Amino acid sequence: MLEATIDASLLKDSIESLSVLVDEARVHISPEGICVKAVDPA
């Protein structure tokens, strides 16, 4: 089980910045870090 505490405003700002660049993305959060991949909505 993973427990983490983050500053929600930092995550929100990151997602808002990403939304300017891509329409859809997959976000994977693991103990090693956060991975974001843009996906084709078609």
PDB file of N, CA and C in Angstrom:
ATOM      1  N   MET A   1       0.845  -1.170   0.000  1.00  0.00           N
ATOM      2  CA  MET A   1       0.000   0.000   0.000  1.00  0.00           C
ATOM      3  C   MET A   1       0.895   1.239   0.000  1.00  0.00           C
ATOM      4  N   LEU A   2       0.491   2.209  -0.788  1.00  0.00           N
ATOM      5  CA  LEU A   2       1.242   3.464  -0.892  1.00  0.00           C
ATOM      6  C   LEU A   2       0.481   4.560  -0.163  1.00  0.00           C
ATOM      7  N   GLU A   3       1.178   5.245   0.720  1.00  0.00           N
ATOM      8  CA  GLU A   3       0.608   6.421   1.363  1.00  0.00           C
ATOM      9  C   GLU A   3       1.509   7.595   1.041  1.00  0.00           C
ATOM     10  N   ALA A   4       0.896   8.697   0.658  1.00  0.00           N
ATOM     11  CA  ALA A   4       1.691   9.874   0.313  1.00  0.00           C
ATOM     12  C   ALA A   4       0.937  11.132   0.693  1.00  0.00           C
ATOM     13  N   THR A   5       1.687  12.143   1.011  1.00  0.00           N
ATOM     14  CA  THR A   5       1.126  13.458   1.280  1.00  0.00           C
ATOM     15  C   THR A   5       1.788  14.429   0.315  1.00  0.00           C
ATOM     16  N   ILE A   6       0.950  15.136  -0.439  1.00  0.00           N
ATOM     17  CA  ILE A   6       1.481  16.098  -1.400  1.00  0.00           C
ATOM     18  C   ILE A   6       0.728  17.407  -1.269  1.00  0.00           C
ATOM     19  N   ASP A   7       1.319  18.432  -1.804  1.00  0.00           N
ATOM     20  CA  ASP A   7       0.653  19.726  -1.881  1.00  0.00           C
ATOM     21  C   ASP A   7      -0.302  19.660  -3.070  1.00  0.00           C
ATOM     22  N   ALA A   8      -1.584  19.638  -2.810  1.00  0.00           N
ATOM     23  CA  ALA A   8      -2.580  19.474  -3.871  1.00  0.00           C
ATOM     24  C   ALA A   8      -2.491  20.578  -4.919  1.00  0.00           C
ATOM     25  N   SER A   9      -2.116  21.771  -4.525  1.00  0.00           N
ATOM     26  CA  SER A   9      -2.034  22.863  -5.502  1.00  0.00           C
ATOM     27  C   SER A   9      -0.922  22.608  -6.522  1.00  0.00           C
ATOM     28  N   LEU A  10       0.147  21.958  -6.118  1.00  0.00           N
ATOM     29  CA  LEU A  10       1.230  21.621  -7.049  1.00  0.00           C
ATOM     30  C   LEU A  10       0.748  20.610  -8.084  1.00  0.00           C
ATOM     31  N   LEU A  11       0.033  19.586  -7.644  1.00  0.00           N
ATOM     32  CA  LEU A  11      -0.513  18.590  -8.567  1.00  0.00           C
ATOM     33  C   LEU A  11      -1.549  19.227  -9.487  1.00  0.00           C
ATOM     34  N   LYS A  12      -2.399  20.073  -8.948  1.00  0.00           N
ATOM     35  CA  LYS A  12      -3.423  20.755  -9.744  1.00  0.00           C
ATOM     36  C   LYS A  12      -2.783  21.640 -10.812  1.00  0.00           C
ATOM     37  N   ASP A  13      -1.775  22.402 -10.441  1.00  0.00           N
ATOM     38  CA  ASP A  13      -1.083  23.268 -11.406  1.00  0.00           C
ATOM     39  C   ASP A  13      -0.418  22.449 -12.507  1.00  0.00           C
ATOM     40  N   SER A  14       0.152  21.316 -12.142  1.00  0.00           N
ATOM     41  CA  SER A  14       0.799  20.450 -13.133  1.00  0.00           C
ATOM     42  C   SER A  14      -0.211  19.906 -14.126  1.00  0.00           C
ATOM     43  N   ILE A  15      -1.360  19.471 -13.641  1.00  0.00           N
ATOM     44  CA  ILE A  15      -2.397  18.926 -14.521  1.00  0.00           C
ATOM     45  C   ILE A  15      -2.975  20.023 -15.405  1.00  0.00           C
ATOM     46  N   GLU A  16      -3.172  21.209 -14.866  1.00  0.00           N
ATOM     47  CA  GLU A  16      -3.672  22.320 -15.675  1.00  0.00           C
ATOM     48  C   GLU A  16      -2.680  22.681 -16.782  1.00  0.00           C
ATOM     49  N   SER A  17      -1.397  22.655 -16.482  1.00  0.00           N
ATOM     50  CA  SER A  17      -0.377  22.931 -17.499  1.00  0.00           C
ATOM     51  C   SER A  17      -0.394  21.868 -18.581  1.00  0.00           C
ATOM     52  N   LEU A  18      -0.564  20.628 -18.188  1.00  0.00           N
ATOM     53  CA  LEU A  18      -0.625  19.526 -19.143  1.00  0.00           C
ATOM     54  C   LEU A  18      -1.845  19.651 -20.046  1.00  0.00           C
ATOM     55  N   SER A  19      -2.961  20.106 -19.508  1.00  0.00           N
ATOM     56  CA  SER A  19      -4.196  20.193 -20.295  1.00  0.00           C
ATOM     57  C   SER A  19      -4.099  21.217 -21.423  1.00  0.00           C
ATOM     58  N   VAL A  20      -3.175  22.151 -21.325  1.00  0.00           N
ATOM     59  CA  VAL A  20      -2.952  23.112 -22.405  1.00  0.00           C
ATOM     60  C   VAL A  20      -2.313  22.418 -23.606  1.00  0.00           C
ATOM     61  N   LEU A  21      -1.527  21.384 -23.344  1.00  0.00           N
ATOM     62  CA  LEU A  21      -0.769  20.709 -24.393  1.00  0.00           C
ATOM     63  C   LEU A  21      -1.495  19.525 -25.020  1.00  0.00           C
ATOM     64  N   VAL A  22      -2.250  18.766 -24.232  1.00  0.00           N
ATOM     65  CA  VAL A  22      -2.893  17.547 -24.739  1.00  0.00           C
ATOM     66  C   VAL A  22      -4.348  17.483 -24.288  1.00  0.00           C
ATOM     67  N   ASP A  23      -5.175  16.748 -25.075  1.00  0.00           N
ATOM     68  CA  ASP A  23      -6.586  16.584 -24.720  1.00  0.00           C
ATOM     69  C   ASP A  23      -6.791  15.477 -23.691  1.00  0.00           C
ATOM     70  N   GLU A  24      -6.026  14.389 -23.822  1.00  0.00           N
ATOM     71  CA  GLU A  24      -6.157  13.264 -22.896  1.00  0.00           C
ATOM     72  C   GLU A  24      -4.786  12.763 -22.492  1.00  0.00           C
ATOM     73  N   ALA A  25      -4.685  12.310 -21.251  1.00  0.00           N
ATOM     74  CA  ALA A  25      -3.420  11.758 -20.767  1.00  0.00           C
ATOM     75  C   ALA A  25      -3.712  10.697 -19.716  1.00  0.00           C
ATOM     76  N   ARG A  26      -2.785   9.765 -19.589  1.00  0.00           N
ATOM     77  CA  ARG A  26      -2.853   8.756 -18.534  1.00  0.00           C
ATOM     78  C   ARG A  26      -1.795   9.105 -17.496  1.00  0.00           C
ATOM     79  N   VAL A  27      -2.195   9.056 -16.245  1.00  0.00           N
ATOM     80  CA  VAL A  27      -1.284   9.377 -15.152  1.00  0.00           C
ATOM     81  C   VAL A  27      -1.123   8.128 -14.296  1.00  0.00           C
ATOM     82  N   HIS A  28       0.123   7.724 -14.092  1.00  0.00           N
ATOM     83  CA  HIS A  28       0.426   6.559 -13.263  1.00  0.00           C
ATOM     84  C   HIS A  28       1.300   7.032 -12.111  1.00  0.00           C
ATOM     85  N   ILE A  29       0.812   6.820 -10.893  1.00  0.00           N
ATOM     86  CA  ILE A  29       1.557   7.226  -9.703  1.00  0.00           C
ATOM     87  C   ILE A  29       2.027   5.965  -8.990  1.00  0.00           C
ATOM     88  N   SER A  30       3.331   5.880  -8.747  1.00  0.00           N
ATOM     89  CA  SER A  30       3.909   4.712  -8.087  1.00  0.00           C
ATOM     90  C   SER A  30       4.970   5.184  -7.095  1.00  0.00           C
ATOM     91  N   PRO A  31       5.513   4.266  -6.314  1.00  0.00           N
ATOM     92  CA  PRO A  31       6.578   4.664  -5.378  1.00  0.00           C
ATOM     93  C   PRO A  31       7.802   5.245  -6.089  1.00  0.00           C
ATOM     94  N   GLU A  32       7.993   4.880  -7.359  1.00  0.00           N
ATOM     95  CA  GLU A  32       9.140   5.385  -8.109  1.00  0.00           C
ATOM     96  C   GLU A  32       8.926   6.801  -8.631  1.00  0.00           C
ATOM     97  N   GLY A  33       7.679   7.248  -8.730  1.00  0.00           N
ATOM     98  CA  GLY A  33       7.410   8.592  -9.222  1.00  0.00           C
ATOM     99  C   GLY A  33       6.089   8.674  -9.956  1.00  0.00           C
ATOM    100  N   ILE A  34       5.912   9.745 -10.697  1.00  0.00           N
ATOM    101  CA  ILE A  34       4.693   9.980 -11.467  1.00  0.00           C
ATOM    102  C   ILE A  34       5.045   9.919 -12.944  1.00  0.00           C
ATOM    103  N   CYS A  35       4.257   9.143 -13.697  1.00  0.00           N
ATOM    104  CA  CYS A  35       4.467   9.007 -15.137  1.00  0.00           C
ATOM    105  C   CYS A  35       3.213   9.506 -15.846  1.00  0.00           C
ATOM    106  N   VAL A  36       3.388  10.401 -16.807  1.00  0.00           N
ATOM    107  CA  VAL A  36       2.268  10.935 -17.571  1.00  0.00           C
ATOM    108  C   VAL A  36       2.509  10.636 -19.040  1.00  0.00           C
ATOM    109  N   LYS A  37       1.501  10.039 -19.687  1.00  0.00           N
ATOM    110  CA  LYS A  37       1.600   9.737 -21.116  1.00  0.00           C
ATOM    111  C   LYS A  37       0.394  10.327 -21.824  1.00  0.00           C
ATOM    112  N   ALA A  38       0.650  11.076 -22.892  1.00  0.00           N
ATOM    113  CA  ALA A  38      -0.435  11.606 -23.718  1.00  0.00           C
ATOM    114  C   ALA A  38      -1.017  10.459 -24.527  1.00  0.00           C
ATOM    115  N   VAL A  39      -2.349  10.443 -24.680  1.00  0.00           N
ATOM    116  CA  VAL A  39      -3.011   9.405 -25.464  1.00  0.00           C
ATOM    117  C   VAL A  39      -3.855  10.048 -26.551  1.00  0.00           C
ATOM    118  N   ASP A  40      -4.055   9.297 -27.631  1.00  0.00           N
ATOM    119  CA  ASP A  40      -4.873   9.759 -28.749  1.00  0.00           C
ATOM    120  C   ASP A  40      -6.337   9.500 -28.414  1.00  0.00           C
ATOM    121  N   PRO A  41      -7.184  10.519 -28.405  1.00  0.00           N
ATOM    122  CA  PRO A  41      -8.586  10.323 -28.033  1.00  0.00           C
ATOM    123  C   PRO A  41      -9.408   9.570 -29.077  1.00  0.00           C
ATOM    124  N   ALA A  42      -8.856   9.325 -30.248  1.00  0.00           N
ATOM    125  CA  ALA A  42      -9.611   8.648 -31.314  1.00  0.00           C
ATOM    126  C   ALA A  42      -9.766   7.167 -31.056  1.00  0.00           C
TER     127      ALA A  42
END
